[in-house]
């Protein structure tokens, strides 16, 4: 089976903890059911890359994104800003991506 292309991938930005797992599974199911392929930093198995590089790669390979930033609090009382940060990375990539990128061309009306 060949790897899914850019047009068919959806970056999923959500919590990956046990409490959120049932919602995560439902999102994965919905993405597959709609004919797309979910893409998260969890998909990249390269232990040499840090988490930010994995997120960047997932965003780079995905035309669409699902972002659930409803849970920014943690049990320890400190806010979790990683999900809003990933949302910002996604919007930045969509807006300021490579000029040859299909997402940039379509948003600029050039395709």
PDB file of N, CA and C in Angstrom:
ATOM      1  N   UNK A   1       0.841  -1.178   0.000  1.00  0.00           N
ATOM      2  CA  UNK A   1       0.000   0.000   0.000  1.00  0.00           C
ATOM      3  C   UNK A   1       0.886   1.242   0.000  1.00  0.00           C
ATOM      4  N   UNK A   2       0.595   2.165  -0.881  1.00  0.00           N
ATOM      5  CA  UNK A   2       1.396   3.385  -0.946  1.00  0.00           C
ATOM      6  C   UNK A   2       0.974   4.366   0.147  1.00  0.00           C
ATOM      7  N   UNK A   3       1.878   5.257   0.468  1.00  0.00           N
ATOM      8  CA  UNK A   3       1.603   6.261   1.493  1.00  0.00           C
ATOM      9  C   UNK A   3       0.543   7.228   0.981  1.00  0.00           C
ATOM     10  N   UNK A   4      -0.355   7.692   1.861  1.00  0.00           N
ATOM     11  CA  UNK A   4      -1.360   8.658   1.434  1.00  0.00           C
ATOM     12  C   UNK A   4      -0.703   9.968   1.006  1.00  0.00           C
ATOM     13  N   UNK A   5      -1.320  10.652   0.065  1.00  0.00           N
ATOM     14  CA  UNK A   5      -0.741  11.905  -0.408  1.00  0.00           C
ATOM     15  C   UNK A   5      -1.225  13.087   0.440  1.00  0.00           C
ATOM     16  N   UNK A   6      -0.666  14.232   0.167  1.00  0.00           N
ATOM     17  CA  UNK A   6      -0.942  15.470   0.911  1.00  0.00           C
ATOM     18  C   UNK A   6      -2.438  15.783   0.951  1.00  0.00           C
ATOM     19  N   UNK A   7      -3.113  15.606  -0.159  1.00  0.00           N
ATOM     20  CA  UNK A   7      -4.534  15.946  -0.270  1.00  0.00           C
ATOM     21  C   UNK A   7      -5.421  15.096   0.626  1.00  0.00           C
ATOM     22  N   UNK A   8      -4.958  13.924   1.028  1.00  0.00           N
ATOM     23  CA  UNK A   8      -5.790  12.977   1.772  1.00  0.00           C
ATOM     24  C   UNK A   8      -5.472  12.894   3.264  1.00  0.00           C
ATOM     25  N   UNK A   9      -4.524  13.677   3.746  1.00  0.00           N
ATOM     26  CA  UNK A   9      -4.114  13.558   5.141  1.00  0.00           C
ATOM     27  C   UNK A   9      -4.701  14.677   6.009  1.00  0.00           C
ATOM     28  N   UNK A  10      -5.055  14.306   7.238  1.00  0.00           N
ATOM     29  CA  UNK A  10      -5.618  15.227   8.213  1.00  0.00           C
ATOM     30  C   UNK A  10      -4.744  15.203   9.462  1.00  0.00           C
ATOM     31  N   UNK A  11      -4.156  16.340   9.807  1.00  0.00           N
ATOM     32  CA  UNK A  11      -3.362  16.455  11.029  1.00  0.00           C
ATOM     33  C   UNK A  11      -4.315  16.550  12.217  1.00  0.00           C
ATOM     34  N   UNK A  12      -4.092  15.717  13.213  1.00  0.00           N
ATOM     35  CA  UNK A  12      -4.940  15.712  14.409  1.00  0.00           C
ATOM     36  C   UNK A  12      -4.142  16.232  15.587  1.00  0.00           C
ATOM     37  N   UNK A  13      -4.639  17.312  16.158  1.00  0.00           N
ATOM     38  CA  UNK A  13      -4.016  17.992  17.288  1.00  0.00           C
ATOM     39  C   UNK A  13      -4.975  17.888  18.466  1.00  0.00           C
ATOM     40  N   UNK A  14      -4.675  16.999  19.394  1.00  0.00           N
ATOM     41  CA  UNK A  14      -5.546  16.788  20.544  1.00  0.00           C
ATOM     42  C   UNK A  14      -4.724  16.167  21.667  1.00  0.00           C
ATOM     43  N   UNK A  15      -5.304  16.071  22.875  1.00  0.00           N
ATOM     44  CA  UNK A  15      -4.587  15.392  23.957  1.00  0.00           C
ATOM     45  C   UNK A  15      -4.404  13.908  23.632  1.00  0.00           C
ATOM     46  N   UNK A  16      -3.320  13.344  24.108  1.00  0.00           N
ATOM     47  CA  UNK A  16      -3.051  11.920  23.904  1.00  0.00           C
ATOM     48  C   UNK A  16      -3.060  11.155  25.223  1.00  0.00           C
ATOM     49  N   UNK A  17      -3.809  11.638  26.190  1.00  0.00           N
ATOM     50  CA  UNK A  17      -3.843  10.941  27.476  1.00  0.00           C
ATOM     51  C   UNK A  17      -5.005   9.949  27.541  1.00  0.00           C
ATOM     52  N   UNK A  18      -4.990   9.132  28.578  1.00  0.00           N
ATOM     53  CA  UNK A  18      -5.977   8.062  28.726  1.00  0.00           C
ATOM     54  C   UNK A  18      -7.404   8.597  28.830  1.00  0.00           C
ATOM     55  N   UNK A  19      -7.594   9.711  29.496  1.00  0.00           N
ATOM     56  CA  UNK A  19      -8.924  10.290  29.679  1.00  0.00           C
ATOM     57  C   UNK A  19      -9.546  10.715  28.342  1.00  0.00           C
ATOM     58  N   UNK A  20      -8.724  11.183  27.417  1.00  0.00           N
ATOM     59  CA  UNK A  20      -9.211  11.669  26.125  1.00  0.00           C
ATOM     60  C   UNK A  20      -9.294  10.557  25.080  1.00  0.00           C
ATOM     61  N   UNK A  21      -8.747   9.389  25.363  1.00  0.00           N
ATOM     62  CA  UNK A  21      -8.623   8.317  24.378  1.00  0.00           C
ATOM     63  C   UNK A  21      -9.925   7.958  23.663  1.00  0.00           C
ATOM     64  N   UNK A  22     -11.084   7.853  24.338  1.00  0.00           N
ATOM     65  CA  UNK A  22     -12.323   7.537  23.593  1.00  0.00           C
ATOM     66  C   UNK A  22     -12.671   8.588  22.534  1.00  0.00           C
ATOM     67  N   UNK A  23     -12.443   9.853  22.828  1.00  0.00           N
ATOM     68  CA  UNK A  23     -12.701  10.913  21.845  1.00  0.00           C
ATOM     69  C   UNK A  23     -11.695  10.799  20.702  1.00  0.00           C
ATOM     70  N   UNK A  24     -10.442  10.539  21.027  1.00  0.00           N
ATOM     71  CA  UNK A  24      -9.400  10.384  20.016  1.00  0.00           C
ATOM     72  C   UNK A  24      -9.760   9.256  19.052  1.00  0.00           C
ATOM     73  N   UNK A  25     -10.209   8.136  19.584  1.00  0.00           N
ATOM     74  CA  UNK A  25     -10.613   7.008  18.736  1.00  0.00           C
ATOM     75  C   UNK A  25     -11.779   7.386  17.827  1.00  0.00           C
ATOM     76  N   UNK A  26     -12.730   8.152  18.346  1.00  0.00           N
ATOM     77  CA  UNK A  26     -13.868   8.591  17.531  1.00  0.00           C
ATOM     78  C   UNK A  26     -13.417   9.519  16.407  1.00  0.00           C
ATOM     79  N   UNK A  27     -12.465  10.395  16.687  1.00  0.00           N
ATOM     80  CA  UNK A  27     -11.937  11.296  15.657  1.00  0.00           C
ATOM     81  C   UNK A  27     -11.232  10.485  14.573  1.00  0.00           C
ATOM     82  N   UNK A  28     -10.412   9.530  14.979  1.00  0.00           N
ATOM     83  CA  UNK A  28      -9.703   8.663  14.020  1.00  0.00           C
ATOM     84  C   UNK A  28     -10.713   7.928  13.133  1.00  0.00           C
ATOM     85  N   UNK A  29     -11.737   7.367  13.752  1.00  0.00           N
ATOM     86  CA  UNK A  29     -12.769   6.643  13.003  1.00  0.00           C
ATOM     87  C   UNK A  29     -13.448   7.566  11.990  1.00  0.00           C
ATOM     88  N   UNK A  30     -13.832   8.772  12.419  1.00  0.00           N
ATOM     89  CA  UNK A  30     -14.523   9.715  11.540  1.00  0.00           C
ATOM     90  C   UNK A  30     -13.638  10.122  10.357  1.00  0.00           C
ATOM     91  N   UNK A  31     -12.362  10.338  10.622  1.00  0.00           N
ATOM     92  CA  UNK A  31     -11.443  10.724   9.546  1.00  0.00           C
ATOM     93  C   UNK A  31     -11.350   9.598   8.515  1.00  0.00           C
ATOM     94  N   UNK A  32     -11.161   8.360   8.976  1.00  0.00           N
ATOM     95  CA  UNK A  32     -11.105   7.224   8.044  1.00  0.00           C
ATOM     96  C   UNK A  32     -12.424   7.063   7.294  1.00  0.00           C
ATOM     97  N   UNK A  33     -13.527   7.188   8.016  1.00  0.00           N
ATOM     98  CA  UNK A  33     -14.853   6.987   7.415  1.00  0.00           C
ATOM     99  C   UNK A  33     -15.142   8.015   6.322  1.00  0.00           C
ATOM    100  N   UNK A  34     -14.562   9.194   6.447  1.00  0.00           N
ATOM    101  CA  UNK A  34     -14.737  10.245   5.433  1.00  0.00           C
ATOM    102  C   UNK A  34     -13.761  10.095   4.266  1.00  0.00           C
ATOM    103  N   UNK A  35     -12.929   9.052   4.298  1.00  0.00           N
ATOM    104  CA  UNK A  35     -12.035   8.782   3.180  1.00  0.00           C
ATOM    105  C   UNK A  35     -10.671   9.439   3.292  1.00  0.00           C
ATOM    106  N   UNK A  36     -10.318   9.916   4.489  1.00  0.00           N
ATOM    107  CA  UNK A  36      -9.028  10.563   4.703  1.00  0.00           C
ATOM    108  C   UNK A  36      -8.151   9.702   5.616  1.00  0.00           C
ATOM    109  N   UNK A  37      -6.920  10.141   5.806  1.00  0.00           N
ATOM    110  CA  UNK A  37      -5.967   9.424   6.647  1.00  0.00           C
ATOM    111  C   UNK A  37      -5.522  10.330   7.795  1.00  0.00           C
ATOM    112  N   UNK A  38      -5.687   9.877   9.036  1.00  0.00           N
ATOM    113  CA  UNK A  38      -5.250  10.688  10.172  1.00  0.00           C
ATOM    114  C   UNK A  38      -3.733  10.742  10.246  1.00  0.00           C
ATOM    115  N   UNK A  39      -3.234  11.878  10.684  1.00  0.00           N
ATOM    116  CA  UNK A  39      -1.799  12.077  10.782  1.00  0.00           C
ATOM    117  C   UNK A  39      -1.506  12.783  12.100  1.00  0.00           C
ATOM    118  N   UNK A  40      -0.717  12.162  12.940  1.00  0.00           N
ATOM    119  CA  UNK A  40      -0.296  12.765  14.205  1.00  0.00           C
ATOM    120  C   UNK A  40       1.201  12.557  14.368  1.00  0.00           C
ATOM    121  N   UNK A  41       1.757  13.229  15.360  1.00  0.00           N
ATOM    122  CA  UNK A  41       3.172  13.018  15.666  1.00  0.00           C
ATOM    123  C   UNK A  41       3.413  11.588  16.141  1.00  0.00           C
ATOM    124  N   UNK A  42       2.364  10.919  16.605  1.00  0.00           N
ATOM    125  CA  UNK A  42       2.493   9.528  17.049  1.00  0.00           C
ATOM    126  C   UNK A  42       2.772   8.587  15.877  1.00  0.00           C
ATOM    127  N   UNK A  43       2.425   8.985  14.658  1.00  0.00           N
ATOM    128  CA  UNK A  43       2.640   8.147  13.471  1.00  0.00           C
ATOM    129  C   UNK A  43       4.114   7.995  13.122  1.00  0.00           C
ATOM    130  N   UNK A  44       4.925   8.959  13.520  1.00  0.00           N
ATOM    131  CA  UNK A  44       6.338   8.967  13.136  1.00  0.00           C
ATOM    132  C   UNK A  44       7.134   8.212  14.197  1.00  0.00           C
ATOM    133  N   UNK A  45       7.707   7.115  13.805  1.00  0.00           N
ATOM    134  CA  UNK A  45       8.378   6.213  14.749  1.00  0.00           C
ATOM    135  C   UNK A  45       9.869   6.479  14.913  1.00  0.00           C
ATOM    136  N   UNK A  46      10.386   7.513  14.288  1.00  0.00           N
ATOM    137  CA  UNK A  46      11.815   7.798  14.347  1.00  0.00           C
ATOM    138  C   UNK A  46      12.176   8.386  15.709  1.00  0.00           C
ATOM    139  N   UNK A  47      12.872   7.616  16.529  1.00  0.00           N
ATOM    140  CA  UNK A  47      13.266   8.064  17.856  1.00  0.00           C
ATOM    141  C   UNK A  47      14.338   9.139  17.856  1.00  0.00           C
ATOM    142  N   UNK A  48      14.970   9.377  16.716  1.00  0.00           N
ATOM    143  CA  UNK A  48      16.013  10.398  16.645  1.00  0.00           C
ATOM    144  C   UNK A  48      15.436  11.806  16.506  1.00  0.00           C
ATOM    145  N   UNK A  49      14.193  11.902  16.065  1.00  0.00           N
ATOM    146  CA  UNK A  49      13.568  13.216  15.902  1.00  0.00           C
ATOM    147  C   UNK A  49      12.897  13.630  17.212  1.00  0.00           C
ATOM    148  N   UNK A  50      13.021  14.920  17.554  1.00  0.00           N
ATOM    149  CA  UNK A  50      12.309  15.372  18.738  1.00  0.00           C
ATOM    150  C   UNK A  50      10.842  15.589  18.385  1.00  0.00           C
ATOM    151  N   UNK A  51      10.018  15.765  19.396  1.00  0.00           N
ATOM    152  CA  UNK A  51       8.567  15.862  19.197  1.00  0.00           C
ATOM    153  C   UNK A  51       8.188  17.023  18.268  1.00  0.00           C
ATOM    154  N   UNK A  52       8.845  18.165  18.397  1.00  0.00           N
ATOM    155  CA  UNK A  52       8.518  19.311  17.550  1.00  0.00           C
ATOM    156  C   UNK A  52       8.766  18.999  16.074  1.00  0.00           C
ATOM    157  N   UNK A  53       9.859  18.320  15.773  1.00  0.00           N
ATOM    158  CA  UNK A  53      10.132  17.953  14.376  1.00  0.00           C
ATOM    159  C   UNK A  53       9.087  16.976  13.852  1.00  0.00           C
ATOM    160  N   UNK A  54       8.625  16.071  14.710  1.00  0.00           N
ATOM    161  CA  UNK A  54       7.575  15.135  14.304  1.00  0.00           C
ATOM    162  C   UNK A  54       6.274  15.880  14.011  1.00  0.00           C
ATOM    163  N   UNK A  55       5.948  16.855  14.838  1.00  0.00           N
ATOM    164  CA  UNK A  55       4.743  17.656  14.629  1.00  0.00           C
ATOM    165  C   UNK A  55       4.860  18.452  13.338  1.00  0.00           C
ATOM    166  N   UNK A  56       6.021  19.076  13.136  1.00  0.00           N
ATOM    167  CA  UNK A  56       6.238  19.843  11.900  1.00  0.00           C
ATOM    168  C   UNK A  56       6.075  18.958  10.673  1.00  0.00           C
ATOM    169  N   UNK A  57       6.624  17.762  10.718  1.00  0.00           N
ATOM    170  CA  UNK A  57       6.528  16.834   9.585  1.00  0.00           C
ATOM    171  C   UNK A  57       5.078  16.415   9.347  1.00  0.00           C
ATOM    172  N   UNK A  58       4.350  16.159  10.424  1.00  0.00           N
ATOM    173  CA  UNK A  58       2.939  15.786  10.284  1.00  0.00           C
ATOM    174  C   UNK A  58       2.132  16.918   9.669  1.00  0.00           C
ATOM    175  N   UNK A  59       2.377  18.144  10.109  1.00  0.00           N
ATOM    176  CA  UNK A  59       1.674  19.306   9.563  1.00  0.00           C
ATOM    177  C   UNK A  59       2.036  19.501   8.097  1.00  0.00           C
ATOM    178  N   UNK A  60       3.314  19.365   7.781  1.00  0.00           N
ATOM    179  CA  UNK A  60       3.785  19.556   6.411  1.00  0.00           C
ATOM    180  C   UNK A  60       3.123  18.575   5.442  1.00  0.00           C
ATOM    181  N   UNK A  61       2.812  17.386   5.919  1.00  0.00           N
ATOM    182  CA  UNK A  61       2.255  16.350   5.057  1.00  0.00           C
ATOM    183  C   UNK A  61       0.731  16.343   5.002  1.00  0.00           C
ATOM    184  N   UNK A  62       0.075  17.273   5.713  1.00  0.00           N
ATOM    185  CA  UNK A  62      -1.386  17.254   5.821  1.00  0.00           C
ATOM    186  C   UNK A  62      -2.015  18.531   5.282  1.00  0.00           C
ATOM    187  N   UNK A  63      -2.986  18.357   4.411  1.00  0.00           N
ATOM    188  CA  UNK A  63      -3.710  19.514   3.886  1.00  0.00           C
ATOM    189  C   UNK A  63      -4.711  20.046   4.910  1.00  0.00           C
ATOM    190  N   UNK A  64      -5.307  19.147   5.681  1.00  0.00           N
ATOM    191  CA  UNK A  64      -6.360  19.522   6.623  1.00  0.00           C
ATOM    192  C   UNK A  64      -5.898  19.307   8.057  1.00  0.00           C
ATOM    193  N   UNK A  65      -6.627  19.898   8.984  1.00  0.00           N
ATOM    194  CA  UNK A  65      -6.308  19.723  10.395  1.00  0.00           C
ATOM    195  C   UNK A  65      -7.546  19.733  11.260  1.00  0.00           C
ATOM    196  N   UNK A  66      -7.514  18.929  12.314  1.00  0.00           N
ATOM    197  CA  UNK A  66      -8.537  18.927  13.358  1.00  0.00           C
ATOM    198  C   UNK A  66      -7.820  19.299  14.640  1.00  0.00           C
ATOM    199  N   UNK A  67      -8.296  20.356  15.292  1.00  0.00           N
ATOM    200  CA  UNK A  67      -7.625  20.880  16.481  1.00  0.00           C
ATOM    201  C   UNK A  67      -8.612  20.979  17.638  1.00  0.00           C
ATOM    202  N   UNK A  68      -8.410  20.174  18.655  1.00  0.00           N
ATOM    203  CA  UNK A  68      -9.238  20.254  19.857  1.00  0.00           C
ATOM    204  C   UNK A  68      -8.388  20.881  20.958  1.00  0.00           C
ATOM    205  N   UNK A  69      -8.596  22.150  21.186  1.00  0.00           N
ATOM    206  CA  UNK A  69      -7.827  22.850  22.222  1.00  0.00           C
ATOM    207  C   UNK A  69      -8.706  23.152  23.431  1.00  0.00           C
ATOM    208  N   UNK A  70      -9.738  22.332  23.632  1.00  0.00           N
ATOM    209  CA  UNK A  70     -10.666  22.553  24.735  1.00  0.00           C
ATOM    210  C   UNK A  70     -10.050  22.240  26.099  1.00  0.00           C
ATOM    211  N   UNK A  71      -8.995  21.448  26.104  1.00  0.00           N
ATOM    212  CA  UNK A  71      -8.365  21.086  27.383  1.00  0.00           C
ATOM    213  C   UNK A  71      -6.947  21.642  27.443  1.00  0.00           C
ATOM    214  N   UNK A  72      -6.821  22.823  27.984  1.00  0.00           N
ATOM    215  CA  UNK A  72      -5.485  23.392  28.155  1.00  0.00           C
ATOM    216  C   UNK A  72      -5.046  23.368  29.608  1.00  0.00           C
ATOM    217  N   UNK A  73      -5.935  22.917  30.498  1.00  0.00           N
ATOM    218  CA  UNK A  73      -5.548  22.800  31.904  1.00  0.00           C
ATOM    219  C   UNK A  73      -4.940  21.422  32.156  1.00  0.00           C
ATOM    220  N   UNK A  74      -4.153  21.317  33.186  1.00  0.00           N
ATOM    221  CA  UNK A  74      -3.585  20.022  33.558  1.00  0.00           C
ATOM    222  C   UNK A  74      -3.922  19.736  35.012  1.00  0.00           C
ATOM    223  N   UNK A  75      -3.711  18.506  35.410  1.00  0.00           N
ATOM    224  CA  UNK A  75      -3.965  18.119  36.794  1.00  0.00           C
ATOM    225  C   UNK A  75      -2.993  18.794  37.753  1.00  0.00           C
ATOM    226  N   UNK A  76      -1.866  19.236  37.250  1.00  0.00           N
ATOM    227  CA  UNK A  76      -0.842  19.844  38.099  1.00  0.00           C
ATOM    228  C   UNK A  76      -1.044  21.344  38.271  1.00  0.00           C
ATOM    229  N   UNK A  77      -2.095  21.902  37.654  1.00  0.00           N
ATOM    230  CA  UNK A  77      -2.382  23.312  37.803  1.00  0.00           C
ATOM    231  C   UNK A  77      -1.687  24.218  36.805  1.00  0.00           C
ATOM    232  N   UNK A  78      -0.772  23.670  36.008  1.00  0.00           N
ATOM    233  CA  UNK A  78      -0.074  24.467  35.009  1.00  0.00           C
ATOM    234  C   UNK A  78      -0.796  24.334  33.664  1.00  0.00           C
ATOM    235  N   UNK A  79      -0.927  25.429  32.928  1.00  0.00           N
ATOM    236  CA  UNK A  79      -1.610  25.327  31.630  1.00  0.00           C
ATOM    237  C   UNK A  79      -0.792  24.535  30.621  1.00  0.00           C
ATOM    238  N   UNK A  80      -1.505  23.885  29.707  1.00  0.00           N
ATOM    239  CA  UNK A  80      -0.882  23.124  28.626  1.00  0.00           C
ATOM    240  C   UNK A  80      -1.025  23.953  27.356  1.00  0.00           C
ATOM    241  N   UNK A  81       0.065  24.531  26.912  1.00  0.00           N
ATOM    242  CA  UNK A  81       0.014  25.382  25.734  1.00  0.00           C
ATOM    243  C   UNK A  81       0.485  24.681  24.471  1.00  0.00           C
ATOM    244  N   UNK A  82       0.784  23.391  24.539  1.00  0.00           N
ATOM    245  CA  UNK A  82       1.281  22.706  23.356  1.00  0.00           C
ATOM    246  C   UNK A  82       0.230  22.622  22.251  1.00  0.00           C
ATOM    247  N   UNK A  83      -1.031  22.391  22.603  1.00  0.00           N
ATOM    248  CA  UNK A  83      -2.052  22.265  21.560  1.00  0.00           C
ATOM    249  C   UNK A  83      -2.354  23.608  20.883  1.00  0.00           C
ATOM    250  N   UNK A  84      -2.504  24.722  21.632  1.00  0.00           N
ATOM    251  CA  UNK A  84      -2.635  26.012  20.934  1.00  0.00           C
ATOM    252  C   UNK A  84      -1.399  26.352  20.090  1.00  0.00           C
ATOM    253  N   UNK A  85      -0.220  25.954  20.560  1.00  0.00           N
ATOM    254  CA  UNK A  85       1.015  26.168  19.799  1.00  0.00           C
ATOM    255  C   UNK A  85       0.980  25.405  18.479  1.00  0.00           C
ATOM    256  N   UNK A  86       0.540  24.133  18.530  1.00  0.00           N
ATOM    257  CA  UNK A  86       0.441  23.328  17.315  1.00  0.00           C
ATOM    258  C   UNK A  86      -0.588  23.921  16.352  1.00  0.00           C
ATOM    259  N   UNK A  87      -1.677  24.472  16.882  1.00  0.00           N
ATOM    260  CA  UNK A  87      -2.660  25.144  16.035  1.00  0.00           C
ATOM    261  C   UNK A  87      -2.012  26.327  15.321  1.00  0.00           C
ATOM    262  N   UNK A  88      -1.207  27.086  16.045  1.00  0.00           N
ATOM    263  CA  UNK A  88      -0.493  28.207  15.439  1.00  0.00           C
ATOM    264  C   UNK A  88       0.480  27.756  14.369  1.00  0.00           C
ATOM    265  N   UNK A  89       1.193  26.667  14.627  1.00  0.00           N
ATOM    266  CA  UNK A  89       2.099  26.114  13.606  1.00  0.00           C
ATOM    267  C   UNK A  89       1.328  25.729  12.344  1.00  0.00           C
ATOM    268  N   UNK A  90       0.165  25.100  12.540  1.00  0.00           N
ATOM    269  CA  UNK A  90      -0.643  24.667  11.402  1.00  0.00           C
ATOM    270  C   UNK A  90      -1.097  25.871  10.580  1.00  0.00           C
ATOM    271  N   UNK A  91      -1.629  26.902  11.247  1.00  0.00           N
ATOM    272  CA  UNK A  91      -2.072  28.104  10.522  1.00  0.00           C
ATOM    273  C   UNK A  91      -0.904  28.791   9.836  1.00  0.00           C
ATOM    274  N   UNK A  92       0.232  28.850  10.506  1.00  0.00           N
ATOM    275  CA  UNK A  92       1.413  29.456   9.888  1.00  0.00           C
ATOM    276  C   UNK A  92       1.866  28.696   8.658  1.00  0.00           C
ATOM    277  N   UNK A  93       1.842  27.371   8.731  1.00  0.00           N
ATOM    278  CA  UNK A  93       2.242  26.552   7.589  1.00  0.00           C
ATOM    279  C   UNK A  93       1.266  26.739   6.428  1.00  0.00           C
ATOM    280  N   UNK A  94      -0.013  26.820   6.740  1.00  0.00           N
ATOM    281  CA  UNK A  94      -1.009  27.028   5.693  1.00  0.00           C
ATOM    282  C   UNK A  94      -0.845  28.398   5.040  1.00  0.00           C
ATOM    283  N   UNK A  95      -0.553  29.398   5.834  1.00  0.00           N
ATOM    284  CA  UNK A  95      -0.472  30.769   5.312  1.00  0.00           C
ATOM    285  C   UNK A  95       0.881  31.078   4.674  1.00  0.00           C
ATOM    286  N   UNK A  96       1.942  30.631   5.321  1.00  0.00           N
ATOM    287  CA  UNK A  96       3.276  31.036   4.884  1.00  0.00           C
ATOM    288  C   UNK A  96       4.102  29.880   4.348  1.00  0.00           C
ATOM    289  N   UNK A  97       3.445  28.786   4.004  1.00  0.00           N
ATOM    290  CA  UNK A  97       4.156  27.621   3.496  1.00  0.00           C
ATOM    291  C   UNK A  97       4.890  27.917   2.200  1.00  0.00           C
ATOM    292  N   UNK A  98       5.628  26.957   1.755  1.00  0.00           N
ATOM    293  CA  UNK A  98       6.386  27.046   0.510  1.00  0.00           C
ATOM    294  C   UNK A  98       5.470  27.491  -0.634  1.00  0.00           C
ATOM    295  N   UNK A  99       5.916  28.395  -1.428  1.00  0.00           N
ATOM    296  CA  UNK A  99       5.111  28.930  -2.522  1.00  0.00           C
ATOM    297  C   UNK A  99       4.748  27.855  -3.543  1.00  0.00           C
ATOM    298  N   UNK A 100       5.448  26.733  -3.555  1.00  0.00           N
ATOM    299  CA  UNK A 100       5.123  25.627  -4.453  1.00  0.00           C
ATOM    300  C   UNK A 100       4.115  24.678  -3.816  1.00  0.00           C
ATOM    301  N   UNK A 101       3.814  24.889  -2.542  1.00  0.00           N
ATOM    302  CA  UNK A 101       2.919  24.032  -1.791  1.00  0.00           C
ATOM    303  C   UNK A 101       1.490  24.160  -2.339  1.00  0.00           C
ATOM    304  N   UNK A 102       0.805  23.054  -2.609  1.00  0.00           N
ATOM    305  CA  UNK A 102      -0.566  23.114  -3.142  1.00  0.00           C
ATOM    306  C   UNK A 102      -1.515  23.909  -2.234  1.00  0.00           C
ATOM    307  N   UNK A 103      -1.345  23.831  -0.918  1.00  0.00           N
ATOM    308  CA  UNK A 103      -2.230  24.562  -0.008  1.00  0.00           C
ATOM    309  C   UNK A 103      -2.052  26.052  -0.181  1.00  0.00           C
ATOM    310  N   UNK A 104      -0.810  26.493  -0.347  1.00  0.00           N
ATOM    311  CA  UNK A 104      -0.555  27.923  -0.541  1.00  0.00           C
ATOM    312  C   UNK A 104      -1.151  28.383  -1.870  1.00  0.00           C
ATOM    313  N   UNK A 105      -0.932  27.608  -2.908  1.00  0.00           N
ATOM    314  CA  UNK A 105      -1.403  27.992  -4.236  1.00  0.00           C
ATOM    315  C   UNK A 105      -2.930  28.104  -4.270  1.00  0.00           C
ATOM    316  N   UNK A 106      -3.627  27.136  -3.649  1.00  0.00           N
ATOM    317  CA  UNK A 106      -5.087  27.178  -3.677  1.00  0.00           C
ATOM    318  C   UNK A 106      -5.615  28.327  -2.822  1.00  0.00           C
ATOM    319  N   UNK A 107      -4.998  28.600  -1.664  1.00  0.00           N
ATOM    320  CA  UNK A 107      -5.475  29.695  -0.823  1.00  0.00           C
ATOM    321  C   UNK A 107      -5.187  31.050  -1.455  1.00  0.00           C
ATOM    322  N   UNK A 108      -4.183  31.127  -2.293  1.00  0.00           N
ATOM    323  CA  UNK A 108      -3.844  32.380  -2.965  1.00  0.00           C
ATOM    324  C   UNK A 108      -4.567  32.512  -4.301  1.00  0.00           C
ATOM    325  N   UNK A 109      -5.405  31.515  -4.652  1.00  0.00           N
ATOM    326  CA  UNK A 109      -6.138  31.563  -5.904  1.00  0.00           C
ATOM    327  C   UNK A 109      -5.271  31.322  -7.126  1.00  0.00           C
ATOM    328  N   UNK A 110      -4.138  30.643  -6.945  1.00  0.00           N
ATOM    329  CA  UNK A 110      -3.197  30.430  -8.046  1.00  0.00           C
ATOM    330  C   UNK A 110      -3.266  29.043  -8.645  1.00  0.00           C
ATOM    331  N   UNK A 111      -4.186  28.238  -8.185  1.00  0.00           N
ATOM    332  CA  UNK A 111      -4.243  26.861  -8.675  1.00  0.00           C
ATOM    333  C   UNK A 111      -5.548  26.579  -9.362  1.00  0.00           C
TER     334      UNK A 111
END
